[in-house]
Protein backbone atom coordinates (compact mmCIF):
# COMPACT_ATOMS: atom_id res chain seq x y z
CA MET A 1 96.93 73.37 70.27
CA GLY A 2 94.46 76.30 70.21
CA ALA A 3 95.42 80.18 69.94
CA ARG A 4 98.02 81.55 72.15
CA PHE A 5 97.92 85.19 73.37
CA VAL A 6 100.00 87.74 75.23
CA PHE A 7 98.10 90.16 77.16
CA LEU A 8 100.31 93.31 77.11
CA ASP A 9 100.38 96.46 79.10
CA PHE A 10 102.58 99.10 77.91
CA ASP A 11 103.48 101.19 81.02
CA GLY A 12 106.14 99.33 83.06
CA VAL A 13 106.68 96.66 80.54
CA VAL A 14 107.54 98.27 77.24
CA HIS A 15 107.48 101.68 78.34
CA PRO A 16 109.20 103.36 81.32
CA ALA A 17 106.32 103.58 84.23
CA GLY A 18 105.86 107.26 85.41
CA GLN A 19 106.09 109.03 81.93
CA VAL A 20 103.49 111.06 80.69
CA VAL A 21 101.65 109.69 77.79
CA PRO A 22 101.30 112.14 74.91
CA LEU A 23 98.12 113.30 73.57
CA ARG A 24 98.92 112.65 70.04
CA TRP A 25 100.71 109.76 68.28
CA ILE A 26 102.87 112.42 66.30
CA GLN A 27 104.34 113.12 69.57
CA VAL A 28 105.61 109.61 70.25
CA LYS A 29 106.61 108.11 67.11
CA PRO A 30 109.96 110.02 66.99
CA LEU A 31 110.81 108.90 70.62
CA ILE A 32 110.03 105.25 70.07
CA GLY A 33 113.20 103.37 71.70
CA VAL A 34 114.69 106.48 73.36
CA GLN A 35 111.95 107.59 75.90
CA PHE A 36 108.94 105.67 75.28
CA PHE A 37 109.26 101.81 73.90
CA LEU A 38 112.28 100.17 75.24
CA PRO A 39 114.22 98.31 72.56
CA GLY A 40 115.14 95.56 74.88
CA PRO A 41 111.74 94.65 76.25
CA VAL A 42 110.24 94.91 72.67
CA ALA A 43 112.61 92.47 71.29
CA GLN A 44 112.09 90.04 74.17
CA LEU A 45 108.36 90.10 73.47
CA ARG A 46 108.79 89.65 69.83
CA THR A 47 110.83 86.73 70.47
CA LEU A 48 108.45 85.30 73.03
CA CYS A 49 105.66 85.50 70.30
CA ARG A 50 107.92 84.17 67.41
CA GLN A 51 108.90 81.36 69.68
CA THR A 52 105.65 80.39 70.83
CA GLY A 53 103.20 81.49 67.98
CA ALA A 54 101.56 83.74 70.38
CA ARG A 55 99.86 87.18 69.24
CA ILE A 56 99.28 90.13 71.30
CA VAL A 57 96.55 91.58 72.65
CA VAL A 58 96.65 94.85 74.12
CA THR A 59 95.41 95.70 77.61
CA SER A 60 97.09 99.06 78.25
CA THR A 61 94.95 101.97 78.39
CA TRP A 62 96.78 103.25 75.63
CA ARG A 63 94.40 101.51 73.56
CA LEU A 64 91.37 104.10 74.47
CA GLU A 65 93.60 106.77 73.36
CA PHE A 66 95.41 105.50 70.24
CA PRO A 67 94.05 103.24 67.45
CA ILE A 68 96.01 99.83 67.47
CA SER A 69 97.50 100.32 64.02
CA VAL A 70 99.79 103.02 65.53
CA PHE A 71 101.77 100.46 67.21
CA GLN A 72 102.29 98.23 64.12
CA PRO A 73 105.43 99.96 63.40
CA ILE A 74 107.07 98.81 66.87
CA PHE A 75 105.18 95.09 66.97
CA GLY A 76 104.54 94.30 63.48
CA ASP A 77 101.68 91.85 62.70
CA LEU A 78 102.08 90.39 65.97
CA ILE A 79 98.94 92.77 67.41
CA VAL A 80 95.52 90.88 66.91
CA GLY A 81 93.38 93.43 68.67
CA CYS A 82 92.75 94.71 72.44
CA THR A 83 90.79 93.94 75.34
CA PRO A 84 87.14 95.55 75.22
CA LEU A 85 86.52 98.39 77.92
CA VAL A 86 84.32 96.98 80.45
CA ARG A 87 82.38 99.68 81.97
CA ARG A 88 80.38 97.71 84.62
CA ILE A 89 82.54 95.74 87.06
CA PRO A 90 81.33 94.33 90.12
CA ALA A 91 82.61 95.62 93.44
CA GLY A 92 85.84 93.81 94.23
CA MET A 93 86.86 92.46 90.82
CA PRO A 94 89.98 93.63 89.24
CA MET A 95 89.50 95.62 86.27
CA ARG A 96 92.06 94.66 83.79
CA TRP A 97 91.09 90.91 84.49
CA MET A 98 87.58 91.47 83.68
CA GLU A 99 88.47 93.00 80.12
CA ILE A 100 90.58 89.91 79.65
CA GLN A 101 87.86 87.56 80.61
CA ALA A 102 85.33 89.30 78.08
CA PHE A 103 88.24 89.03 75.40
CA LEU A 104 88.58 85.52 76.21
CA ALA A 105 84.73 84.64 76.00
CA ASP A 106 84.96 85.42 72.42
CA GLN A 107 87.58 83.05 71.43
CA ASP A 108 87.65 79.26 70.50
CA LYS A 109 89.05 77.01 73.02
CA PRO A 110 91.59 75.38 74.25
CA LEU A 111 93.78 78.19 74.23
CA ARG A 112 97.05 79.38 76.24
CA TYR A 113 97.66 82.77 77.15
CA VAL A 114 99.93 84.86 79.57
CA ILE A 115 99.36 88.37 81.01
CA ILE A 116 102.32 90.77 81.10
CA ASP A 117 101.66 93.73 83.46
CA ASP A 118 103.34 95.83 86.02
CA GLN A 119 100.81 95.90 88.39
CA THR A 120 99.47 93.20 90.66
CA GLY A 121 95.86 94.91 92.12
CA LEU A 122 94.61 94.47 88.29
CA PHE A 123 94.47 90.51 88.50
CA PRO A 124 93.27 87.83 91.01
CA VAL A 125 95.95 87.45 93.57
CA ASP A 126 98.38 84.77 92.44
CA HIS A 127 97.09 84.20 89.09
CA PRO A 128 99.21 81.51 87.47
CA ARG A 129 99.25 83.08 83.99
CA THR A 130 100.39 86.30 85.09
CA VAL A 131 104.01 87.92 84.88
CA ILE A 132 104.36 91.07 86.72
CA THR A 133 107.35 93.32 85.63
CA ASP A 134 109.47 95.54 87.27
CA PRO A 135 108.09 98.85 86.05
CA ARG A 136 111.55 100.65 86.19
CA SER A 137 113.19 97.97 83.61
CA GLY A 138 110.15 96.34 82.01
CA PHE A 139 110.09 92.73 80.63
CA LEU A 140 113.43 91.35 81.06
CA GLU A 141 115.29 87.64 80.74
CA GLY A 142 113.49 86.51 83.75
CA ASP A 143 109.94 87.44 82.69
CA PHE A 144 110.68 86.13 79.25
CA GLU A 145 111.80 82.74 80.69
CA LEU A 146 108.57 82.58 83.24
CA ALA A 147 106.35 83.92 80.26
CA LEU A 148 107.44 81.06 77.72
CA SER A 149 107.02 78.57 80.63
CA ILE A 150 103.45 79.64 80.93
CA LEU A 151 102.84 79.71 77.21
CA GLY A 152 104.35 76.31 76.81
CA GLY A 153 106.98 77.10 74.31
């Protein structure tokens, strides 16, 4: 079996949607688990990766503001990178989906992946590898089970 990836958004998945993202990491670090990264969803993601051997690829726009290394204290060595910023997206194509496709194009095949996000409009309608979370609660047990089945764990 080839590589397994979890394409991960932060807002609405491991961070409550609607909260402002600070401009500097030093403002986030003291709040991890209190206001920014929810411990339950983070633990579920770590378990998903541990059970399936998957690695995290950050798709969140946070990747544009912070280096990936600042998320290591939260996710450890599970993060292997982030999706590239695709500047030219054909009309009607979902942005985040195009970024994921650009990342996948550089990977060896075969592979398995799941996309975890709280927004449906960023992907093709009814994409079978997408888990859409409730942005108020984040990545919960039902989402975990669906992601596990998609990854074949």
